[in-house]
Amino acid sequence: MRGAFVVQLDKASLRAQGQFEGWVEEVDSGKQLRFHSTEELLAFLHRRMEAAREPENPTPCVQSDEHSGRSLEK
């Protein structure tokens, strides 16, 4: 299912101010990200959409470790 994403927003998100925090996962690849800003979410979506256009040269995506908050390459 190309181009399909699951997004879960934290209750702490400042929705009225357009700042979102939560998790996003690309359904097709299982790649996921713990994002702390709207910009991080949009950057992840952009990278994954670009990777879908060029499957022979996949773009690495960043995944955050839930417990440490560190970003991991996956």
PDB file of N, CA and C in Angstrom:
ATOM      1  N   MET A   1       0.855  -1.176   0.000  1.00  0.00           N
ATOM      2  CA  MET A   1       0.000   0.000   0.000  1.00  0.00           C
ATOM      3  C   MET A   1       0.902   1.240   0.000  1.00  0.00           C
ATOM      4  N   ARG A   2       1.353   1.622  -1.135  1.00  0.00           N
ATOM      5  CA  ARG A   2       2.274   2.754  -1.255  1.00  0.00           C
ATOM      6  C   ARG A   2       1.618   4.066  -0.867  1.00  0.00           C
ATOM      7  N   GLY A   3       2.381   4.884  -0.145  1.00  0.00           N
ATOM      8  CA  GLY A   3       1.902   6.209   0.226  1.00  0.00           C
ATOM      9  C   GLY A   3       0.952   6.209   1.409  1.00  0.00           C
ATOM     10  N   ALA A   4       0.843   5.077   2.107  1.00  0.00           N
ATOM     11  CA  ALA A   4      -0.056   5.004   3.268  1.00  0.00           C
ATOM     12  C   ALA A   4       0.762   5.122   4.546  1.00  0.00           C
ATOM     13  N   PHE A   5       0.291   5.960   5.451  1.00  0.00           N
ATOM     14  CA  PHE A   5       0.980   6.210   6.717  1.00  0.00           C
ATOM     15  C   PHE A   5      -0.017   6.151   7.861  1.00  0.00           C
ATOM     16  N   VAL A   6       0.463   5.700   9.007  1.00  0.00           N
ATOM     17  CA  VAL A   6      -0.316   5.744  10.237  1.00  0.00           C
ATOM     18  C   VAL A   6       0.334   6.807  11.113  1.00  0.00           C
ATOM     19  N   VAL A   7      -0.464   7.757  11.590  1.00  0.00           N
ATOM     20  CA  VAL A   7       0.046   8.834  12.439  1.00  0.00           C
ATOM     21  C   VAL A   7      -0.720   8.802  13.749  1.00  0.00           C
ATOM     22  N   GLN A   8       0.030   8.792  14.849  1.00  0.00           N
ATOM     23  CA  GLN A   8      -0.576   8.853  16.171  1.00  0.00           C
ATOM     24  C   GLN A   8      -0.046  10.103  16.858  1.00  0.00           C
ATOM     25  N   LEU A   9      -0.954  10.995  17.243  1.00  0.00           N
ATOM     26  CA  LEU A   9      -0.565  12.238  17.893  1.00  0.00           C
ATOM     27  C   LEU A   9      -0.622  12.091  19.409  1.00  0.00           C
ATOM     28  N   ASP A  10       0.390  12.644  20.073  1.00  0.00           N
ATOM     29  CA  ASP A  10       0.412  12.664  21.537  1.00  0.00           C
ATOM     30  C   ASP A  10      -0.613  13.655  22.055  1.00  0.00           C
ATOM     31  N   LYS A  11      -1.085  13.407  23.249  1.00  0.00           N
ATOM     32  CA  LYS A  11      -2.002  14.344  23.888  1.00  0.00           C
ATOM     33  C   LYS A  11      -1.310  15.673  24.165  1.00  0.00           C
ATOM     34  N   ALA A  12       0.017  15.657  24.285  1.00  0.00           N
ATOM     35  CA  ALA A  12       0.783  16.863  24.589  1.00  0.00           C
ATOM     36  C   ALA A  12       0.940  17.792  23.382  1.00  0.00           C
ATOM     37  N   SER A  13       0.502  17.354  22.215  1.00  0.00           N
ATOM     38  CA  SER A  13       0.627  18.188  21.015  1.00  0.00           C
ATOM     39  C   SER A  13      -0.132  19.495  21.193  1.00  0.00           C
ATOM     40  N   LEU A  14       0.448  20.551  20.664  1.00  0.00           N
ATOM     41  CA  LEU A  14      -0.182  21.876  20.704  1.00  0.00           C
ATOM     42  C   LEU A  14      -0.938  22.071  19.392  1.00  0.00           C
ATOM     43  N   ARG A  15      -2.037  21.367  19.242  1.00  0.00           N
ATOM     44  CA  ARG A  15      -2.767  21.358  17.972  1.00  0.00           C
ATOM     45  C   ARG A  15      -3.234  22.747  17.553  1.00  0.00           C
ATOM     46  N   ALA A  16      -3.675  23.542  18.502  1.00  0.00           N
ATOM     47  CA  ALA A  16      -4.171  24.877  18.170  1.00  0.00           C
ATOM     48  C   ALA A  16      -3.067  25.743  17.582  1.00  0.00           C
ATOM     49  N   GLN A  17      -1.815  25.443  17.933  1.00  0.00           N
ATOM     50  CA  GLN A  17      -0.683  26.222  17.424  1.00  0.00           C
ATOM     51  C   GLN A  17       0.014  25.525  16.259  1.00  0.00           C
ATOM     52  N   GLY A  18      -0.543  24.390  15.836  1.00  0.00           N
ATOM     53  CA  GLY A  18       0.020  23.686  14.682  1.00  0.00           C
ATOM     54  C   GLY A  18       1.283  22.912  14.982  1.00  0.00           C
ATOM     55  N   GLN A  19       1.571  22.633  16.239  1.00  0.00           N
ATOM     56  CA  GLN A  19       2.753  21.852  16.614  1.00  0.00           C
ATOM     57  C   GLN A  19       2.316  20.466  17.060  1.00  0.00           C
ATOM     58  N   PHE A  20       2.753  19.453  16.337  1.00  0.00           N
ATOM     59  CA  PHE A  20       2.343  18.101  16.611  1.00  0.00           C
ATOM     60  C   PHE A  20       3.522  17.254  17.063  1.00  0.00           C
ATOM     61  N   GLU A  21       3.268  16.343  18.001  1.00  0.00           N
ATOM     62  CA  GLU A  21       4.234  15.350  18.448  1.00  0.00           C
ATOM     63  C   GLU A  21       3.548  14.002  18.405  1.00  0.00           C
ATOM     64  N   GLY A  22       4.321  12.947  18.142  1.00  0.00           N
ATOM     65  CA  GLY A  22       3.746  11.609  18.136  1.00  0.00           C
ATOM     66  C   GLY A  22       4.600  10.632  17.360  1.00  0.00           C
ATOM     67  N   TRP A  23       3.944   9.631  16.772  1.00  0.00           N
ATOM     68  CA  TRP A  23       4.575   8.578  15.985  1.00  0.00           C
ATOM     69  C   TRP A  23       3.988   8.562  14.587  1.00  0.00           C
ATOM     70  N   VAL A  24       4.829   8.220  13.626  1.00  0.00           N
ATOM     71  CA  VAL A  24       4.353   8.003  12.269  1.00  0.00           C
ATOM     72  C   VAL A  24       5.014   6.734  11.744  1.00  0.00           C
ATOM     73  N   GLU A  25       4.249   5.932  11.011  1.00  0.00           N
ATOM     74  CA  GLU A  25       4.785   4.708  10.414  1.00  0.00           C
ATOM     75  C   GLU A  25       4.320   4.607   8.976  1.00  0.00           C
ATOM     76  N   GLU A  26       5.248   4.273   8.094  1.00  0.00           N
ATOM     77  CA  GLU A  26       4.905   4.003   6.702  1.00  0.00           C
ATOM     78  C   GLU A  26       4.411   2.562   6.629  1.00  0.00           C
ATOM     79  N   VAL A  27       3.203   2.354   6.181  1.00  0.00           N
ATOM     80  CA  VAL A  27       2.569   1.031   6.186  1.00  0.00           C
ATOM     81  C   VAL A  27       3.368   0.043   5.336  1.00  0.00           C
ATOM     82  N   ASP A  28       3.771   0.432   4.154  1.00  0.00           N
ATOM     83  CA  ASP A  28       4.428  -0.470   3.207  1.00  0.00           C
ATOM     84  C   ASP A  28       5.770  -0.987   3.725  1.00  0.00           C
ATOM     85  N   SER A  29       6.599  -0.104   4.274  1.00  0.00           N
ATOM     86  CA  SER A  29       7.956  -0.490   4.673  1.00  0.00           C
ATOM     87  C   SER A  29       8.102  -0.786   6.163  1.00  0.00           C
ATOM     88  N   GLY A  30       7.192  -0.284   6.973  1.00  0.00           N
ATOM     89  CA  GLY A  30       7.317  -0.438   8.418  1.00  0.00           C
ATOM     90  C   GLY A  30       8.257   0.576   9.050  1.00  0.00           C
ATOM     91  N   LYS A  31       8.826   1.471   8.240  1.00  0.00           N
ATOM     92  CA  LYS A  31       9.710   2.515   8.772  1.00  0.00           C
ATOM     93  C   LYS A  31       8.882   3.448   9.638  1.00  0.00           C
ATOM     94  N   GLN A  32       9.473   3.879  10.757  1.00  0.00           N
ATOM     95  CA  GLN A  32       8.717   4.722  11.659  1.00  0.00           C
ATOM     96  C   GLN A  32       9.600   5.787  12.293  1.00  0.00           C
ATOM     97  N   LEU A  33       8.934   6.773  12.851  1.00  0.00           N
ATOM     98  CA  LEU A  33       9.630   7.895  13.478  1.00  0.00           C
ATOM     99  C   LEU A  33       8.834   8.392  14.662  1.00  0.00           C
ATOM    100  N   ARG A  34       9.515   8.680  15.735  1.00  0.00           N
ATOM    101  CA  ARG A  34       8.950   9.423  16.866  1.00  0.00           C
ATOM    102  C   ARG A  34       9.301  10.872  16.566  1.00  0.00           C
ATOM    103  N   PHE A  35       8.298  11.699  16.279  1.00  0.00           N
ATOM    104  CA  PHE A  35       8.572  13.094  15.909  1.00  0.00           C
ATOM    105  C   PHE A  35       8.182  14.027  17.044  1.00  0.00           C
ATOM    106  N   HIS A  36       8.924  15.117  17.133  1.00  0.00           N
ATOM    107  CA  HIS A  36       8.726  16.100  18.196  1.00  0.00           C
ATOM    108  C   HIS A  36       8.324  17.459  17.653  1.00  0.00           C
ATOM    109  N   SER A  37       8.117  17.532  16.345  1.00  0.00           N
ATOM    110  CA  SER A  37       7.674  18.790  15.739  1.00  0.00           C
ATOM    111  C   SER A  37       6.982  18.477  14.419  1.00  0.00           C
ATOM    112  N   THR A  38       6.190  19.405  13.984  1.00  0.00           N
ATOM    113  CA  THR A  38       5.510  19.267  12.699  1.00  0.00           C
ATOM    114  C   THR A  38       6.538  19.154  11.579  1.00  0.00           C
ATOM    115  N   GLU A  39       7.637  19.895  11.711  1.00  0.00           N
ATOM    116  CA  GLU A  39       8.682  19.870  10.690  1.00  0.00           C
ATOM    117  C   GLU A  39       9.302  18.481  10.567  1.00  0.00           C
ATOM    118  N   GLU A  40       9.538  17.792  11.702  1.00  0.00           N
ATOM    119  CA  GLU A  40      10.085  16.436  11.663  1.00  0.00           C
ATOM    120  C   GLU A  40       9.114  15.487  10.971  1.00  0.00           C
ATOM    121  N   LEU A  41       7.835  15.624  11.260  1.00  0.00           N
ATOM    122  CA  LEU A  41       6.817  14.785  10.625  1.00  0.00           C
ATOM    123  C   LEU A  41       6.817  14.991   9.119  1.00  0.00           C
ATOM    124  N   LEU A  42       6.791  16.247   8.699  1.00  0.00           N
ATOM    125  CA  LEU A  42       6.755  16.541   7.267  1.00  0.00           C
ATOM    126  C   LEU A  42       8.031  16.092   6.564  1.00  0.00           C
ATOM    127  N   ALA A  43       9.180  16.227   7.212  1.00  0.00           N
ATOM    128  CA  ALA A  43      10.452  15.787   6.620  1.00  0.00           C
ATOM    129  C   ALA A  43      10.454  14.270   6.428  1.00  0.00           C
ATOM    130  N   PHE A  44       9.938  13.526   7.411  1.00  0.00           N
ATOM    131  CA  PHE A  44       9.843  12.071   7.297  1.00  0.00           C
ATOM    132  C   PHE A  44       8.949  11.688   6.121  1.00  0.00           C
ATOM    133  N   LEU A  45       7.779  12.305   6.039  1.00  0.00           N
ATOM    134  CA  LEU A  45       6.857  12.008   4.944  1.00  0.00           C
ATOM    135  C   LEU A  45       7.505  12.309   3.598  1.00  0.00           C
ATOM    136  N   HIS A  46       8.206  13.414   3.518  1.00  0.00           N
ATOM    137  CA  HIS A  46       8.886  13.787   2.272  1.00  0.00           C
ATOM    138  C   HIS A  46       9.940  12.743   1.898  1.00  0.00           C
ATOM    139  N   ARG A  47      10.776  12.345   2.867  1.00  0.00           N
ATOM    140  CA  ARG A  47      11.820  11.349   2.585  1.00  0.00           C
ATOM    141  C   ARG A  47      11.215  10.032   2.125  1.00  0.00           C
ATOM    142  N   ARG A  48      10.158   9.592   2.764  1.00  0.00           N
ATOM    143  CA  ARG A  48       9.558   8.308   2.412  1.00  0.00           C
ATOM    144  C   ARG A  48       8.882   8.378   1.047  1.00  0.00           C
ATOM    145  N   MET A  49       8.263   9.499   0.716  1.00  0.00           N
ATOM    146  CA  MET A  49       7.643   9.641  -0.602  1.00  0.00           C
ATOM    147  C   MET A  49       8.720   9.682  -1.693  1.00  0.00           C
ATOM    148  N   GLU A  50       9.829  10.338  -1.425  1.00  0.00           N
ATOM    149  CA  GLU A  50      10.941  10.358  -2.386  1.00  0.00           C
ATOM    150  C   GLU A  50      11.510   8.950  -2.569  1.00  0.00           C
ATOM    151  N   ALA A  51      11.657   8.215  -1.477  1.00  0.00           N
ATOM    152  CA  ALA A  51      12.182   6.850  -1.554  1.00  0.00           C
ATOM    153  C   ALA A  51      11.253   5.954  -2.367  1.00  0.00           C
ATOM    154  N   ALA A  52       9.957   6.170  -2.267  1.00  0.00           N
ATOM    155  CA  ALA A  52       8.992   5.363  -3.017  1.00  0.00           C
ATOM    156  C   ALA A  52       9.106   5.608  -4.516  1.00  0.00           C
ATOM    157  N   ARG A  53       9.538   6.800  -4.891  1.00  0.00           N
ATOM    158  CA  ARG A  53       9.699   7.116  -6.313  1.00  0.00           C
ATOM    159  C   ARG A  53      10.949   6.485  -6.903  1.00  0.00           C
ATOM    160  N   GLU A  54      11.964   6.249  -6.046  1.00  0.00           N
ATOM    161  CA  GLU A  54      13.236   5.700  -6.501  1.00  0.00           C
ATOM    162  C   GLU A  54      13.577   4.450  -5.694  1.00  0.00           C
ATOM    163  N   PRO A  55      12.861   3.324  -5.921  1.00  0.00           N
ATOM    164  CA  PRO A  55      13.059   2.133  -5.095  1.00  0.00           C
ATOM    165  C   PRO A  55      14.446   1.512  -5.211  1.00  0.00           C
ATOM    166  N   GLU A  56      15.169   1.761  -6.310  1.00  0.00           N
ATOM    167  CA  GLU A  56      16.503   1.183  -6.448  1.00  0.00           C
ATOM    168  C   GLU A  56      17.533   1.887  -5.574  1.00  0.00           C
ATOM    169  N   ASN A  57      17.203   3.063  -5.050  1.00  0.00           N
ATOM    170  CA  ASN A  57      18.131   3.813  -4.214  1.00  0.00           C
ATOM    171  C   ASN A  57      17.377   4.332  -2.987  1.00  0.00           C
ATOM    172  N   PRO A  58      17.005   3.432  -2.049  1.00  0.00           N
ATOM    173  CA  PRO A  58      16.180   3.852  -0.913  1.00  0.00           C
ATOM    174  C   PRO A  58      16.888   4.856  -0.014  1.00  0.00           C
ATOM    175  N   THR A  59      16.118   5.806   0.487  1.00  0.00           N
ATOM    176  CA  THR A  59      16.628   6.823   1.397  1.00  0.00           C
ATOM    177  C   THR A  59      16.528   6.309   2.820  1.00  0.00           C
ATOM    178  N   PRO A  60      17.624   6.400   3.609  1.00  0.00           N
ATOM    179  CA  PRO A  60      17.504   5.977   5.001  1.00  0.00           C
ATOM    180  C   PRO A  60      16.563   6.905   5.754  1.00  0.00           C
ATOM    181  N   CYS A  61      15.832   6.358   6.691  1.00  0.00           N
ATOM    182  CA  CYS A  61      14.968   7.201   7.493  1.00  0.00           C
ATOM    183  C   CYS A  61      15.414   7.127   8.936  1.00  0.00           C
ATOM    184  N   VAL A  62      15.008   8.076   9.701  1.00  0.00           N
ATOM    185  CA  VAL A  62      15.410   8.170  11.090  1.00  0.00           C
ATOM    186  C   VAL A  62      14.307   7.608  11.956  1.00  0.00           C
ATOM    187  N   GLN A  63      14.712   6.807  12.919  1.00  0.00           N
ATOM    188  CA  GLN A  63      13.758   6.257  13.872  1.00  0.00           C
ATOM    189  C   GLN A  63      14.266   6.598  15.258  1.00  0.00           C
ATOM    190  N   SER A  64      13.376   7.074  16.105  1.00  0.00           N
ATOM    191  CA  SER A  64      13.766   7.413  17.462  1.00  0.00           C
ATOM    192  C   SER A  64      13.565   6.219  18.371  1.00  0.00           C
ATOM    193  N   ASP A  65      14.489   6.056  19.296  1.00  0.00           N
ATOM    194  CA  ASP A  65      14.375   5.032  20.324  1.00  0.00           C
ATOM    195  C   ASP A  65      13.438   5.555  21.396  1.00  0.00           C
ATOM    196  N   GLU A  66      12.347   4.857  21.630  1.00  0.00           N
ATOM    197  CA  GLU A  66      11.297   5.306  22.546  1.00  0.00           C
ATOM    198  C   GLU A  66      11.833   5.601  23.935  1.00  0.00           C
ATOM    199  N   HIS A  67      12.770   4.807  24.411  1.00  0.00           N
ATOM    200  CA  HIS A  67      13.226   4.935  25.783  1.00  0.00           C
ATOM    201  C   HIS A  67      14.302   5.992  25.965  1.00  0.00           C
ATOM    202  N   SER A  68      15.171   6.150  24.996  1.00  0.00           N
ATOM    203  CA  SER A  68      16.274   7.085  25.171  1.00  0.00           C
ATOM    204  C   SER A  68      16.048   8.410  24.461  1.00  0.00           C
ATOM    205  N   GLY A  69      15.113   8.445  23.495  1.00  0.00           N
ATOM    206  CA  GLY A  69      14.884   9.660  22.732  1.00  0.00           C
ATOM    207  C   GLY A  69      15.933   9.883  21.650  1.00  0.00           C
ATOM    208  N   ARG A  70      16.889   8.933  21.500  1.00  0.00           N
ATOM    209  CA  ARG A  70      17.922   9.064  20.488  1.00  0.00           C
ATOM    210  C   ARG A  70      17.359   8.726  19.122  1.00  0.00           C
ATOM    211  N   SER A  71      17.915   9.334  18.095  1.00  0.00           N
ATOM    212  CA  SER A  71      17.513   9.010  16.738  1.00  0.00           C
ATOM    213  C   SER A  71      18.369   7.874  16.232  1.00  0.00           C
ATOM    214  N   LEU A  72      17.761   6.927  15.543  1.00  0.00           N
ATOM    215  CA  LEU A  72      18.442   5.772  15.005  1.00  0.00           C
ATOM    216  C   LEU A  72      18.233   5.716  13.507  1.00  0.00           C
ATOM    217  N   GLU A  73      19.258   5.325  12.766  1.00  0.00           N
ATOM    218  CA  GLU A  73      19.096   5.088  11.331  1.00  0.00           C
ATOM    219  C   GLU A  73      18.540   3.687  11.154  1.00  0.00           C
ATOM    220  N   LYS A  74      17.572   3.546  10.290  1.00  0.00           N
ATOM    221  CA  LYS A  74      16.991   2.228  10.025  1.00  0.00           C
ATOM    222  C   LYS A  74      16.906   1.998   8.557  1.00  0.00           C
TER     223      LYS A  74
END
